[in-house]
Amino acid sequence: MKFKYNIINLLCCAILILAGCEEETGRTVYPYSCPEMSDLKLSSENQIDAADSLFLSVNVKDPETPLSTLEITINAEEEIIYNESIRTKGYEARIENHGIYIPFEAGTENKDAKLTITAINVEGSQQSETRDIKIVRPYIPQTIYLHYEDKVIPMRQQEDNPYEYATETGDYPTILTGKISTEEHYSDSKLIWGYSENVNYAELTTETGAGFSLNYEDWQVEQITFNTLTFKVGVVGSYQILTINGVELVAGGGYYQASINFEQGEEVETTGFENIERAYNRDFFEYDPDNNTLTFLRETGNWEVYYSGKYNYMWIVRTADVAPDAFWLVGHGFTAASVWNDDYNSGGWETEDISRMAYAVKVAPDKYQTTIYLNDTHEWGSFEIEIYSDREWNKDNGMELQEGSLQGESTGFAISESNGITNTDGFMAGYYRLTFDTSAGVGKETLYIERIDD
């Protein structure tokens, strides 16, 4: 019996010895040891571009204690710009060409950084190695590209600020969603900027990522800008306070606009217009050069006013009007503005953009008037205009001009194939007042043409 008890005591001692290597939770406790790293290689030992990847290879082992993780950290100017934990298992691990993405964010300048690689075993013992690296701004070409809607617009680097890029001067939306890329096509671009949580700012994204939001609805936008240091999307333009009869015109969609009540025969009060002599609508107002004032000529009531700072002209319409209340002129090679702009040398045939149409207002029973600039410099070699009864391309109550319909200074004018007007030999570009008379009925209308000096 005594021998039996000795065997039991020995077994108990052995169990106690084994238990001394475990914590109360039952986890195995390994003897102290420290991981070792060897054959550490970086794809670049000197410098790396932001928005690029640094590739790391290293061997890690610990003969005594299983490995846990490999921690990778990049610090630049006391800021952690990269941090990653890689799971390692067993007593040996090989990390092969592991990519470390170097972020390119707003404010990134060339800067010195430290890459720290730390091997840790399951007991928390660790070994670290540090490498000095230089992070540099990626190359950005002198021309980058703005994408919105179906447009791709070059943005040129500015001479006075190499970080600043700008589009050519033009007429741009005040609100848009877009992207900016370093090449004309996304697929060729190393850098693409898009969505940011902050309006009028951008962050790096991908070809399929969301676009940034630009909102300058209170402006007349002439250029769109982008700063490649701050990632701010801005504009060049003007914010004017314009009033007519005490009503402020609100900027939106490329125009200042408002609904304004006019009284026939009364003087109109305007503020903020730099050159009202050029800007006023000749079909609705009479201009007094001595007092620089306007008098309203047409029917009393509310009218829609659209003013463009780019073209310095105000369109007066009622967009819901249908003939015989008014007629709409649509086509190419013309503008209602008194000064020709090269924008009108291409495009046309639009019923949404007020600057591409003309409104023939009723000036007397069965008589309608519109004053427009006509030019044959359009890319299609002529101007051509059709007369519609509304803005929906209808001619239900429209006009059908025929040979013999043209009167007045009609040299160089001809009836088009669609019963509108176009130019022929002898045409001289200029500002013309067109007066339509519909008293004889459809197909018997007359058009009186008067060239006016402006």
Protein backbone atom coordinates (compact mmCIF):
# COMPACT_ATOMS: atom_id res chain seq x y z
CA MET A 1 0.00 0.00 0.00
CA LYS A 2 2.85 2.33 0.85
CA PHE A 3 4.32 1.76 -2.62
CA LYS A 4 0.99 2.55 -4.18
CA TYR A 5 0.73 5.85 -2.32
CA ASN A 6 4.29 6.84 -3.45
CA ILE A 7 3.31 6.32 -7.10
CA ILE A 8 0.24 8.51 -6.63
CA ASN A 9 2.36 11.21 -4.96
CA LEU A 10 4.84 11.16 -7.86
CA LEU A 11 2.04 11.52 -10.41
CA CYS A 12 0.60 14.45 -8.49
CA CYS A 13 3.98 16.16 -8.39
CA ALA A 14 4.37 15.72 -12.14
CA ILE A 15 0.96 17.25 -12.75
CA LEU A 16 1.86 20.19 -10.48
CA ILE A 17 5.15 20.72 -12.37
CA LEU A 18 3.32 20.77 -15.71
CA ALA A 19 0.69 23.07 -14.32
CA GLY A 20 3.42 25.51 -13.33
CA CYS A 21 3.91 26.22 -17.07
CA GLU A 22 0.29 27.36 -17.51
CA GLU A 23 -1.61 30.39 -16.32
CA GLU A 24 -4.87 30.04 -14.46
CA THR A 25 -6.65 30.34 -17.84
CA GLY A 26 -4.91 27.26 -19.12
CA ARG A 27 -2.76 29.14 -21.70
CA THR A 28 0.69 27.76 -22.29
CA VAL A 29 3.44 30.05 -20.98
CA TYR A 30 6.60 29.96 -23.07
CA PRO A 31 10.08 30.78 -21.82
CA TYR A 32 11.38 34.28 -22.49
CA SER A 33 12.75 34.79 -25.97
CA CYS A 34 12.85 37.58 -28.56
CA PRO A 35 11.90 37.46 -32.26
CA GLU A 36 14.63 37.96 -34.80
CA MET A 37 14.36 39.67 -38.20
CA SER A 38 16.72 39.10 -41.11
CA ASP A 39 17.11 39.80 -44.81
CA LEU A 40 15.03 43.00 -44.59
CA LYS A 41 14.61 44.50 -48.05
CA LEU A 42 12.68 47.54 -49.32
CA SER A 43 11.79 48.25 -52.92
CA SER A 44 13.19 51.75 -52.44
CA GLU A 45 15.88 52.60 -49.91
CA ASN A 46 15.94 56.35 -50.57
CA GLN A 47 12.60 57.90 -51.47
CA ILE A 48 9.07 56.98 -52.37
CA ASP A 49 6.30 58.95 -54.08
CA ALA A 50 3.14 59.67 -52.16
CA ALA A 51 0.21 57.79 -53.74
CA ASP A 52 2.63 54.96 -54.53
CA SER A 53 3.50 51.71 -52.73
CA LEU A 54 6.70 50.68 -50.93
CA PHE A 55 7.26 46.90 -51.01
CA LEU A 56 8.79 45.13 -48.02
CA SER A 57 10.32 41.64 -47.64
CA VAL A 58 11.67 40.19 -44.35
CA ASN A 59 12.25 36.93 -42.51
CA VAL A 60 11.01 36.62 -38.93
CA LYS A 61 11.73 33.75 -36.52
CA ASP A 62 11.75 32.84 -32.85
CA PRO A 63 12.93 29.28 -32.06
CA GLU A 64 11.54 29.37 -28.51
CA THR A 65 8.20 31.17 -28.75
CA PRO A 66 5.57 31.28 -31.51
CA LEU A 67 5.27 34.50 -33.46
CA SER A 68 2.26 36.81 -33.14
CA THR A 69 2.32 39.87 -35.42
CA LEU A 70 4.51 42.09 -37.52
CA GLU A 71 3.67 45.75 -36.92
CA ILE A 72 4.47 48.32 -39.63
CA THR A 73 4.35 52.06 -38.87
CA ILE A 74 5.39 55.15 -40.81
CA ASN A 75 5.83 58.40 -38.89
CA ALA A 76 6.37 61.75 -40.57
CA GLU A 77 6.78 64.93 -38.59
CA GLU A 78 5.32 63.32 -35.44
CA GLU A 79 2.27 62.11 -37.34
CA ILE A 80 1.47 58.47 -38.01
CA ILE A 81 0.63 58.30 -41.71
CA TYR A 82 0.59 54.49 -42.00
CA ASN A 83 -0.07 51.71 -39.50
CA GLU A 84 -0.66 48.01 -40.20
CA SER A 85 -0.59 44.74 -38.26
CA ILE A 86 0.27 41.54 -40.15
CA ARG A 87 -0.60 38.21 -38.48
CA THR A 88 2.37 35.81 -38.22
CA LYS A 89 2.09 32.15 -37.15
CA GLY A 90 4.47 29.45 -36.02
CA TYR A 91 8.12 29.92 -35.23
CA GLU A 92 9.15 31.27 -38.63
CA ALA A 93 7.47 33.57 -41.15
CA ARG A 94 8.46 35.09 -44.48
CA ILE A 95 6.88 38.37 -45.59
CA GLU A 96 7.41 38.68 -49.33
CA ASN A 97 6.87 41.94 -51.31
CA HIS A 98 4.20 43.25 -48.97
CA GLY A 99 2.83 46.55 -50.31
CA ILE A 100 2.75 49.61 -48.06
CA TYR A 101 0.62 52.36 -49.63
CA ILE A 102 1.97 55.86 -49.02
CA PRO A 103 -1.03 58.18 -48.79
CA PHE A 104 -1.26 61.42 -50.77
CA GLU A 105 -3.48 63.80 -48.90
CA ALA A 106 -4.15 67.52 -48.80
CA GLY A 107 -1.13 69.37 -47.47
CA THR A 108 1.40 66.71 -48.48
CA GLU A 109 4.81 68.26 -49.11
CA ASN A 110 8.18 66.50 -49.47
CA LYS A 111 9.06 65.21 -46.01
CA ASP A 112 11.35 62.87 -44.09
CA ALA A 113 9.75 59.85 -42.48
CA LYS A 114 10.67 56.79 -40.43
CA LEU A 115 9.53 53.29 -41.25
CA THR A 116 9.42 51.06 -38.18
CA ILE A 117 8.99 47.28 -38.45
CA THR A 118 8.36 45.43 -35.20
CA ALA A 119 8.19 41.64 -34.79
CA ILE A 120 6.22 40.48 -31.74
CA ASN A 121 5.82 36.98 -30.32
CA VAL A 122 2.84 35.63 -28.40
CA GLU A 123 4.43 36.60 -25.06
CA GLY A 124 4.79 40.23 -26.15
CA SER A 125 8.53 40.22 -26.62
CA GLN A 126 9.56 42.24 -29.63
CA GLN A 127 12.33 43.41 -31.88
CA SER A 128 12.20 46.56 -34.05
CA GLU A 129 14.10 47.89 -37.01
CA THR A 130 13.86 51.42 -38.38
CA ARG A 131 14.60 52.83 -41.78
CA ASP A 132 14.70 56.49 -42.85
CA ILE A 133 12.72 57.21 -46.02
CA LYS A 134 11.91 60.39 -47.90
CA ILE A 135 8.34 60.86 -49.10
CA VAL A 136 8.02 63.15 -52.11
CA ARG A 137 5.01 64.59 -53.91
CA PRO A 138 4.06 62.64 -57.02
CA TYR A 139 4.67 64.18 -60.42
CA ILE A 140 1.68 66.13 -61.66
CA PRO A 141 1.78 67.27 -65.31
CA GLN A 142 1.28 70.85 -66.42
CA THR A 143 -2.17 69.94 -67.76
CA ILE A 144 -4.75 67.95 -65.83
CA TYR A 145 -8.40 67.33 -66.74
CA LEU A 146 -11.77 68.22 -65.25
CA HIS A 147 -14.58 65.73 -65.90
CA TYR A 148 -18.25 66.56 -65.41
CA GLU A 149 -21.36 65.48 -67.25
CA ASP A 150 -19.91 64.27 -70.57
CA LYS A 151 -17.25 66.97 -70.73
CA VAL A 152 -13.46 66.65 -70.38
CA ILE A 153 -11.89 70.09 -69.92
CA PRO A 154 -8.13 70.83 -69.67
CA MET A 155 -6.87 72.65 -66.58
CA ARG A 156 -3.50 74.41 -66.96
CA GLN A 157 -0.86 74.96 -64.30
CA GLN A 158 -0.70 78.65 -63.33
CA GLU A 159 2.57 80.52 -63.64
CA ASP A 160 2.22 82.38 -60.34
CA ASN A 161 1.37 79.25 -58.30
CA PRO A 162 2.57 75.80 -59.46
CA TYR A 163 0.00 74.10 -57.23
CA GLU A 164 -2.91 75.96 -58.84
CA TYR A 165 -4.63 74.77 -62.02
CA ALA A 166 -7.44 76.49 -63.92
CA THR A 167 -9.72 75.92 -66.90
CA GLU A 168 -9.89 78.35 -69.80
CA THR A 169 -12.26 81.27 -69.31
CA GLY A 170 -15.80 80.31 -70.24
CA ASP A 171 -19.27 79.82 -68.82
CA TYR A 172 -19.44 77.01 -66.25
CA PRO A 173 -22.17 75.58 -64.04
CA THR A 174 -22.38 76.95 -60.52
CA ILE A 175 -23.18 73.49 -59.16
CA LEU A 176 -21.65 70.26 -60.47
CA THR A 177 -20.34 66.83 -59.53
CA GLY A 178 -17.02 65.95 -61.10
CA LYS A 179 -13.58 64.41 -61.00
CA ILE A 180 -10.09 65.59 -61.88
CA SER A 181 -7.47 63.31 -63.44
CA THR A 182 -3.83 63.64 -64.44
CA GLU A 183 -4.53 62.34 -67.95
CA GLU A 184 -7.40 62.89 -70.36
CA HIS A 185 -8.62 59.32 -69.86
CA TYR A 186 -9.12 57.81 -66.42
CA SER A 187 -7.46 54.56 -67.48
CA ASP A 188 -4.19 56.41 -68.21
CA SER A 189 -4.25 58.51 -65.03
CA LYS A 190 -2.04 57.81 -62.05
CA LEU A 191 -4.05 60.23 -59.91
CA ILE A 192 -7.81 60.78 -59.86
CA TRP A 193 -9.50 63.16 -57.42
CA GLY A 194 -13.16 62.74 -56.53
CA TYR A 195 -15.53 62.55 -53.59
CA SER A 196 -14.81 64.39 -50.36
CA GLU A 197 -17.09 64.85 -47.37
CA ASN A 198 -16.44 68.58 -47.71
CA VAL A 199 -18.11 70.53 -50.51
CA ASN A 200 -15.62 72.28 -52.84
CA TYR A 201 -12.84 69.88 -51.84
CA ALA A 202 -11.63 66.62 -53.40
CA GLU A 203 -9.76 63.51 -52.30
CA LEU A 204 -8.03 60.76 -54.22
CA THR A 205 -10.40 58.16 -55.61
CA THR A 206 -10.64 55.62 -58.40
CA GLU A 207 -12.12 55.60 -61.89
CA THR A 208 -15.36 54.13 -60.53
CA GLY A 209 -15.45 56.23 -57.36
CA ALA A 210 -17.88 59.07 -56.69
CA GLY A 211 -17.16 62.63 -57.78
CA PHE A 212 -16.59 65.73 -55.67
CA SER A 213 -19.30 68.34 -55.17
CA LEU A 214 -18.76 71.91 -56.34
CA ASN A 215 -21.28 74.52 -55.28
CA TYR A 216 -20.88 78.23 -56.04
CA GLU A 217 -24.51 78.94 -56.85
CA ASP A 218 -24.22 82.60 -55.88
CA TRP A 219 -21.51 83.22 -58.47
CA GLN A 220 -21.15 83.85 -62.16
CA VAL A 221 -18.48 81.19 -62.82
CA GLU A 222 -15.89 81.98 -65.49
CA GLN A 223 -13.20 79.44 -64.55
CA ILE A 224 -12.94 76.37 -62.34
CA THR A 225 -9.70 75.95 -60.36
CA PHE A 226 -8.02 73.14 -58.44
CA ASN A 227 -5.17 73.39 -55.93
CA THR A 228 -3.05 70.23 -55.91
CA LEU A 229 -1.67 71.06 -52.46
CA THR A 230 -4.87 71.83 -50.55
CA PHE A 231 -7.18 69.77 -52.84
CA LYS A 232 -9.62 72.70 -52.90
CA VAL A 233 -11.87 73.09 -55.93
CA GLY A 234 -12.58 76.75 -56.53
CA VAL A 235 -13.83 79.18 -59.11
CA VAL A 236 -12.91 82.47 -60.73
CA GLY A 237 -15.87 84.69 -61.41
CA SER A 238 -17.99 87.39 -59.98
CA TYR A 239 -20.67 87.76 -57.42
CA GLN A 240 -22.78 90.75 -58.31
CA ILE A 241 -25.73 92.20 -56.48
CA LEU A 242 -28.16 93.11 -59.23
CA THR A 243 -31.62 94.54 -58.67
CA ILE A 244 -34.46 95.52 -60.98
CA ASN A 245 -37.37 97.43 -59.47
CA GLY A 246 -36.03 96.56 -56.03
CA VAL A 247 -35.95 92.80 -56.70
CA GLU A 248 -32.56 91.11 -56.36
CA LEU A 249 -31.65 88.72 -59.15
CA VAL A 250 -30.42 85.38 -57.78
CA ALA A 251 -27.45 83.60 -59.35
CA GLY A 252 -28.12 80.07 -60.51
CA GLY A 253 -27.54 77.91 -63.57
CA GLY A 254 -25.15 80.41 -65.12
CA TYR A 255 -27.58 83.33 -64.90
CA TYR A 256 -28.88 85.93 -62.49
CA GLN A 257 -32.62 85.53 -62.55
CA ALA A 258 -35.86 86.67 -60.96
CA SER A 259 -39.56 87.14 -61.63
CA ILE A 260 -40.22 90.87 -61.70
CA ASN A 261 -43.35 92.96 -62.03
CA PHE A 262 -43.19 95.70 -64.65
CA GLU A 263 -45.68 98.49 -65.41
CA GLN A 264 -46.06 99.47 -69.05
CA GLY A 265 -44.73 102.98 -69.67
CA GLU A 266 -42.99 103.31 -66.30
CA GLU A 267 -39.30 103.91 -65.70
CA VAL A 268 -37.38 100.88 -64.45
CA GLU A 269 -34.97 101.09 -61.51
CA THR A 270 -31.75 99.07 -61.88
CA THR A 271 -28.65 98.71 -59.69
CA GLY A 272 -25.41 96.78 -60.11
CA PHE A 273 -25.32 96.66 -63.92
CA GLU A 274 -22.00 98.02 -65.17
CA ASN A 275 -23.13 98.68 -68.74
CA ILE A 276 -26.90 98.86 -68.92
CA GLU A 277 -26.69 100.46 -72.37
CA ARG A 278 -25.42 97.17 -73.76
CA ALA A 279 -27.33 94.89 -71.43
CA TYR A 280 -30.92 95.99 -71.93
CA ASN A 281 -33.41 94.02 -74.03
CA ARG A 282 -34.39 96.08 -77.08
CA ASP A 283 -37.77 94.36 -77.42
CA PHE A 284 -38.91 95.27 -73.90
CA PHE A 285 -37.27 98.55 -73.00
CA GLU A 286 -36.57 101.99 -74.36
CA TYR A 287 -33.20 103.36 -73.34
CA ASP A 288 -32.57 107.04 -72.52
CA PRO A 289 -28.82 107.69 -72.98
CA ASP A 290 -29.04 111.10 -71.33
CA ASN A 291 -30.28 109.70 -68.02
CA ASN A 292 -29.03 106.13 -68.48
CA THR A 293 -32.55 104.87 -67.69
CA LEU A 294 -34.97 102.28 -69.08
CA THR A 295 -38.70 102.49 -69.71
CA PHE A 296 -40.79 99.32 -69.94
CA LEU A 297 -42.71 98.98 -73.21
CA ARG A 298 -44.70 95.79 -72.99
CA GLU A 299 -47.73 94.40 -71.20
CA THR A 300 -47.95 95.09 -67.47
CA GLY A 301 -47.34 92.03 -65.32
CA ASN A 302 -44.74 89.58 -64.07
CA TRP A 303 -41.93 88.67 -66.42
CA GLU A 304 -38.98 86.30 -66.04
CA VAL A 305 -35.61 88.04 -66.25
CA TYR A 306 -32.35 86.18 -67.02
CA TYR A 307 -29.11 88.14 -67.01
CA SER A 308 -25.70 86.83 -68.09
CA GLY A 309 -22.60 88.65 -66.94
CA LYS A 310 -20.57 86.85 -69.56
CA TYR A 311 -22.74 88.09 -72.43
CA ASN A 312 -23.88 91.26 -70.60
CA TYR A 313 -27.47 90.83 -71.69
CA MET A 314 -30.88 90.33 -70.12
CA TRP A 315 -33.45 87.99 -71.61
CA ILE A 316 -37.08 88.79 -70.76
CA VAL A 317 -39.56 85.96 -71.32
CA ARG A 318 -42.48 83.99 -70.02
CA THR A 319 -41.13 80.47 -70.48
CA ALA A 320 -44.57 78.87 -70.42
CA ASP A 321 -45.91 81.05 -73.25
CA VAL A 322 -47.44 79.28 -76.25
CA ALA A 323 -48.46 80.87 -79.55
CA PRO A 324 -50.36 83.05 -80.21
CA ASP A 325 -49.19 84.66 -76.93
CA ALA A 326 -45.58 84.55 -78.18
CA PHE A 327 -43.32 82.64 -80.56
CA TRP A 328 -39.95 80.94 -80.01
CA LEU A 329 -36.99 81.12 -82.39
CA VAL A 330 -34.63 78.14 -82.25
CA GLY A 331 -31.64 77.32 -84.42
CA HIS A 332 -27.98 78.19 -84.80
CA GLY A 333 -25.83 81.18 -85.74
CA PHE A 334 -27.71 83.81 -83.73
CA THR A 335 -28.04 85.34 -80.28
CA ALA A 336 -30.35 87.89 -78.71
CA ALA A 337 -27.36 89.64 -77.11
CA SER A 338 -26.25 92.81 -78.87
CA VAL A 339 -22.58 91.75 -79.09
CA TRP A 340 -21.50 88.59 -80.88
CA ASN A 341 -19.61 85.97 -78.85
CA ASP A 342 -17.57 83.17 -80.40
CA ASP A 343 -19.53 80.69 -78.28
CA TYR A 344 -22.24 80.94 -80.92
CA ASN A 345 -19.93 79.75 -83.68
CA SER A 346 -20.86 76.19 -82.74
CA GLY A 347 -23.80 74.30 -81.30
CA GLY A 348 -27.38 75.47 -81.10
CA TRP A 349 -30.87 73.99 -81.45
CA GLU A 350 -31.59 74.10 -77.73
CA THR A 351 -34.87 74.86 -75.97
CA GLU A 352 -33.57 74.83 -72.39
CA ASP A 353 -30.69 77.31 -72.54
CA ILE A 354 -32.29 80.74 -72.80
CA SER A 355 -29.18 82.21 -74.44
CA ARG A 356 -29.63 79.87 -77.43
CA MET A 357 -33.19 80.99 -78.16
CA ALA A 358 -35.07 84.16 -79.02
CA TYR A 359 -38.49 85.17 -77.72
CA ALA A 360 -40.80 86.97 -80.15
CA VAL A 361 -42.99 89.12 -77.90
CA LYS A 362 -46.40 90.40 -78.98
CA VAL A 363 -46.09 94.14 -79.66
CA ALA A 364 -49.55 94.65 -81.23
CA PRO A 365 -52.45 92.45 -82.35
CA ASP A 366 -50.99 89.78 -84.70
CA LYS A 367 -47.54 91.36 -84.56
CA TYR A 368 -44.46 89.91 -82.83
CA GLN A 369 -40.96 91.29 -82.46
CA THR A 370 -37.52 89.98 -81.57
CA THR A 371 -34.10 91.59 -81.98
CA ILE A 372 -31.16 89.27 -82.60
CA TYR A 373 -27.58 89.22 -83.79
CA LEU A 374 -27.24 87.09 -86.94
CA ASN A 375 -23.91 85.73 -88.17
CA ASP A 376 -22.78 83.23 -90.82
CA THR A 377 -19.54 82.31 -89.00
CA HIS A 378 -21.12 79.21 -87.50
CA GLU A 379 -19.27 75.89 -88.03
CA TRP A 380 -22.09 74.85 -90.39
CA GLY A 381 -21.45 77.85 -92.63
CA SER A 382 -24.70 79.72 -92.07
CA PHE A 383 -27.37 80.75 -89.63
CA GLU A 384 -30.69 78.97 -89.67
CA ILE A 385 -33.77 79.66 -87.57
CA GLU A 386 -37.13 77.94 -87.22
CA ILE A 387 -40.19 79.49 -85.55
CA TYR A 388 -41.98 77.32 -82.97
CA SER A 389 -45.22 77.81 -81.11
CA ASP A 390 -43.70 76.61 -77.81
CA ARG A 391 -40.48 75.23 -76.31
CA GLU A 392 -41.53 71.63 -76.98
CA TRP A 393 -40.66 71.70 -80.70
CA ASN A 394 -44.28 72.16 -81.72
CA LYS A 395 -45.49 74.20 -84.68
CA ASP A 396 -49.23 73.65 -84.14
CA ASN A 397 -49.80 77.39 -84.11
CA GLY A 398 -46.47 78.24 -85.65
CA MET A 399 -45.51 80.08 -88.80
CA GLU A 400 -44.86 78.82 -92.31
CA LEU A 401 -42.84 81.48 -94.07
CA GLN A 402 -43.02 81.27 -97.86
CA GLU A 403 -41.25 82.89 -100.79
CA GLY A 404 -42.43 86.47 -100.72
CA SER A 405 -42.78 86.57 -96.92
CA LEU A 406 -39.58 88.58 -96.48
CA GLN A 407 -39.78 92.36 -96.49
CA GLY A 408 -37.52 95.27 -95.57
CA GLU A 409 -33.75 94.87 -95.59
CA SER A 410 -33.94 91.29 -96.77
CA THR A 411 -30.86 91.15 -98.98
CA GLY A 412 -28.91 88.03 -98.09
CA PHE A 413 -31.91 86.39 -96.41
CA ALA A 414 -33.76 83.33 -97.72
CA ILE A 415 -36.51 80.96 -96.69
CA SER A 416 -35.07 77.71 -95.30
CA GLU A 417 -36.30 74.24 -96.20
CA SER A 418 -38.19 74.13 -92.88
CA ASN A 419 -40.07 77.39 -93.59
CA GLY A 420 -37.77 79.39 -91.38
CA ILE A 421 -34.97 81.73 -92.43
CA THR A 422 -31.33 81.34 -93.38
CA ASN A 423 -28.68 83.35 -95.21
CA THR A 424 -27.68 83.43 -98.85
CA ASP A 425 -25.39 85.53 -101.08
CA GLY A 426 -25.08 89.14 -100.02
CA PHE A 427 -25.80 88.55 -96.33
CA MET A 428 -24.12 90.93 -93.87
CA ALA A 429 -23.74 89.91 -90.25
CA GLY A 430 -25.25 92.29 -87.72
CA TYR A 431 -28.01 93.16 -85.28
CA TYR A 432 -31.48 92.85 -86.79
CA ARG A 433 -35.00 93.57 -85.60
CA LEU A 434 -37.45 90.98 -86.93
CA THR A 435 -41.17 91.80 -86.92
CA PHE A 436 -43.64 89.04 -87.79
CA ASP A 437 -47.18 89.78 -88.97
CA THR A 438 -49.58 86.82 -88.65
CA SER A 439 -52.82 88.67 -89.48
CA ALA A 440 -53.26 86.89 -92.84
CA GLY A 441 -53.09 83.40 -91.30
CA VAL A 442 -50.78 80.43 -91.35
CA GLY A 443 -48.64 80.26 -94.49
CA LYS A 444 -49.30 83.90 -95.28
CA GLU A 445 -47.18 85.53 -92.58
CA THR A 446 -44.78 88.31 -93.39
CA LEU A 447 -41.42 89.04 -91.81
CA TYR A 448 -40.15 92.62 -91.83
CA ILE A 449 -36.35 92.80 -91.46
CA GLU A 450 -34.63 95.92 -90.15
CA ARG A 451 -30.90 96.19 -89.53
CA ILE A 452 -30.19 98.37 -86.51
CA ASP A 453 -26.98 100.01 -85.43
CA ASP A 454 -25.90 99.01 -81.94
